[in-house]
C-alpha atoms as a PDB file:
ATOM      1  CA  UNK A   1     104.106  93.934  86.397  1.00  0.00           C
ATOM      2  CA  UNK A   2     103.414  92.927  89.972  1.00  0.00           C
ATOM      3  CA  UNK A   3      99.900  92.308  91.151  1.00  0.00           C
ATOM      4  CA  UNK A   4      98.298  94.552  93.744  1.00  0.00           C
ATOM      5  CA  UNK A   5      97.234  93.172  97.104  1.00  0.00           C
ATOM      6  CA  UNK A   6      93.637  93.316  95.894  1.00  0.00           C
ATOM      7  CA  UNK A   7      94.485  91.265  92.792  1.00  0.00           C
ATOM      8  CA  UNK A   8      96.355  88.736  94.919  1.00  0.00           C
ATOM      9  CA  UNK A   9      93.356  88.502  97.268  1.00  0.00           C
ATOM     10  CA  UNK A  10      91.051  87.894  94.302  1.00  0.00           C
ATOM     11  CA  UNK A  11      93.368  85.111  93.108  1.00  0.00           C
ATOM     12  CA  UNK A  12      93.491  83.582  96.599  1.00  0.00           C
ATOM     13  CA  UNK A  13      89.753  83.707  97.350  1.00  0.00           C
ATOM     14  CA  UNK A  14      88.931  80.370  95.636  1.00  0.00           C
ATOM     15  CA  UNK A  15      91.942  78.758  97.326  1.00  0.00           C
ATOM     16  CA  UNK A  16      90.810  79.990 100.726  1.00  0.00           C
ATOM     17  CA  UNK A  17      87.289  78.690 100.107  1.00  0.00           C
ATOM     18  CA  UNK A  18      88.688  75.297  99.076  1.00  0.00           C
ATOM     19  CA  UNK A  19      90.974  75.092 102.128  1.00  0.00           C
ATOM     20  CA  UNK A  20      88.140  76.021 104.466  1.00  0.00           C
ATOM     21  CA  UNK A  21      85.869  73.379 102.935  1.00  0.00           C
ATOM     22  CA  UNK A  22      88.575  70.702 102.845  1.00  0.00           C
ATOM     23  CA  UNK A  23      89.612  71.213 106.467  1.00  0.00           C
ATOM     24  CA  UNK A  24      86.086  71.761 107.767  1.00  0.00           C
ATOM     25  CA  UNK A  25      87.029  75.120 109.229  1.00  0.00           C
ATOM     26  CA  UNK A  26      84.573  77.753 110.383  1.00  0.00           C
ATOM     27  CA  UNK A  27      85.614  81.150 109.049  1.00  0.00           C
ATOM     28  CA  UNK A  28      83.053  83.780 109.911  1.00  0.00           C
ATOM     29  CA  UNK A  29      82.353  86.542 107.414  1.00  0.00           C
ATOM     30  CA  UNK A  30      83.892  89.099 109.779  1.00  0.00           C
ATOM     31  CA  UNK A  31      87.141  87.051 109.857  1.00  0.00           C
ATOM     32  CA  UNK A  32      87.555  86.636 106.095  1.00  0.00           C
ATOM     33  CA  UNK A  33      89.332  89.956 105.553  1.00  0.00           C
ATOM     34  CA  UNK A  34      91.892  89.157 108.253  1.00  0.00           C
ATOM     35  CA  UNK A  35      92.485  85.649 106.934  1.00  0.00           C
ATOM     36  CA  UNK A  36      92.876  87.031 103.427  1.00  0.00           C
ATOM     37  CA  UNK A  37      95.360  89.649 104.661  1.00  0.00           C
ATOM     38  CA  UNK A  38      97.415  86.833 106.187  1.00  0.00           C
ATOM     39  CA  UNK A  39      97.352  84.818 102.953  1.00  0.00           C
ATOM     40  CA  UNK A  40      98.354  87.850 100.875  1.00  0.00           C
ATOM     41  CA  UNK A  41     101.266  88.480 103.274  1.00  0.00           C
ATOM     42  CA  UNK A  42     102.293  84.824 102.955  1.00  0.00           C
ATOM     43  CA  UNK A  43     102.370  85.242  99.170  1.00  0.00           C
ATOM     44  CA  UNK A  44     104.530  88.368  99.549  1.00  0.00           C
ATOM     45  CA  UNK A  45     106.972  86.469 101.781  1.00  0.00           C
ATOM     46  CA  UNK A  46     107.148  83.613  99.264  1.00  0.00           C
ATOM     47  CA  UNK A  47     107.768  86.065  96.409  1.00  0.00           C
ATOM     48  CA  UNK A  48     110.583  87.649  98.420  1.00  0.00           C
ATOM     49  CA  UNK A  49     112.192  84.279  99.161  1.00  0.00           C
ATOM     50  CA  UNK A  50     111.922  83.209  95.535  1.00  0.00           C
ATOM     51  CA  UNK A  51     114.214  86.121  94.644  1.00  0.00           C
ATOM     52  CA  UNK A  52     117.078  84.676  96.707  1.00  0.00           C
ATOM     53  CA  UNK A  53     120.081  83.842  94.532  1.00  0.00           C
ATOM     54  CA  UNK A  54     120.171  80.047  94.753  1.00  0.00           C
ATOM     55  CA  UNK A  55     121.929  78.102  92.035  1.00  0.00           C
ATOM     56  CA  UNK A  56     119.941  75.465  90.170  1.00  0.00           C
ATOM     57  CA  UNK A  57     120.362  71.879  91.356  1.00  0.00           C
ATOM     58  CA  UNK A  58     122.066  72.846  94.613  1.00  0.00           C
ATOM     59  CA  UNK A  59     120.966  72.579  98.173  1.00  0.00           C
ATOM     60  CA  UNK A  60     122.609  73.665 101.383  1.00  0.00           C
ATOM     61  CA  UNK A  61     120.921  72.453 104.510  1.00  0.00           C
ATOM     62  CA  UNK A  62     120.990  74.432 107.711  1.00  0.00           C
ATOM     63  CA  UNK A  63     122.652  72.985 110.777  1.00  0.00           C
ATOM     64  CA  UNK A  64     120.409  70.944 113.029  1.00  0.00           C
ATOM     65  CA  UNK A  65     120.283  71.771 116.722  1.00  0.00           C
ATOM     66  CA  UNK A  66     120.708  68.713 118.897  1.00  0.00           C
ATOM     67  CA  UNK A  67     120.188  69.402 122.590  1.00  0.00           C
ATOM     68  CA  UNK A  68     122.528  67.802 125.079  1.00  0.00           C
ATOM     69  CA  UNK A  69     121.482  66.033 128.218  1.00  0.00           C
ATOM     70  CA  UNK A  70     120.041  68.237 130.932  1.00  0.00           C
ATOM     71  CA  UNK A  71     121.732  68.050 134.321  1.00  0.00           C
ATOM     72  CA  UNK A  72     119.005  68.376 136.955  1.00  0.00           C
ATOM     73  CA  UNK A  73     121.362  68.644 139.945  1.00  0.00           C
END
């Protein structure tokens, strides 16, 4: 059974408090709901990505973009 957004927010509240304290951030009370919405969405994105069919003990790296020299003429 999947957790509701409210349950996820309740799970994330102590983590958010710890991150705020650790980083010395100022999160006003009126901002907390927005920050929590962002964290809940991040959890949803992670859950979605975790469903990707990737075989165990394999890794395929993406290509790396290497820019060429820029001609300024």
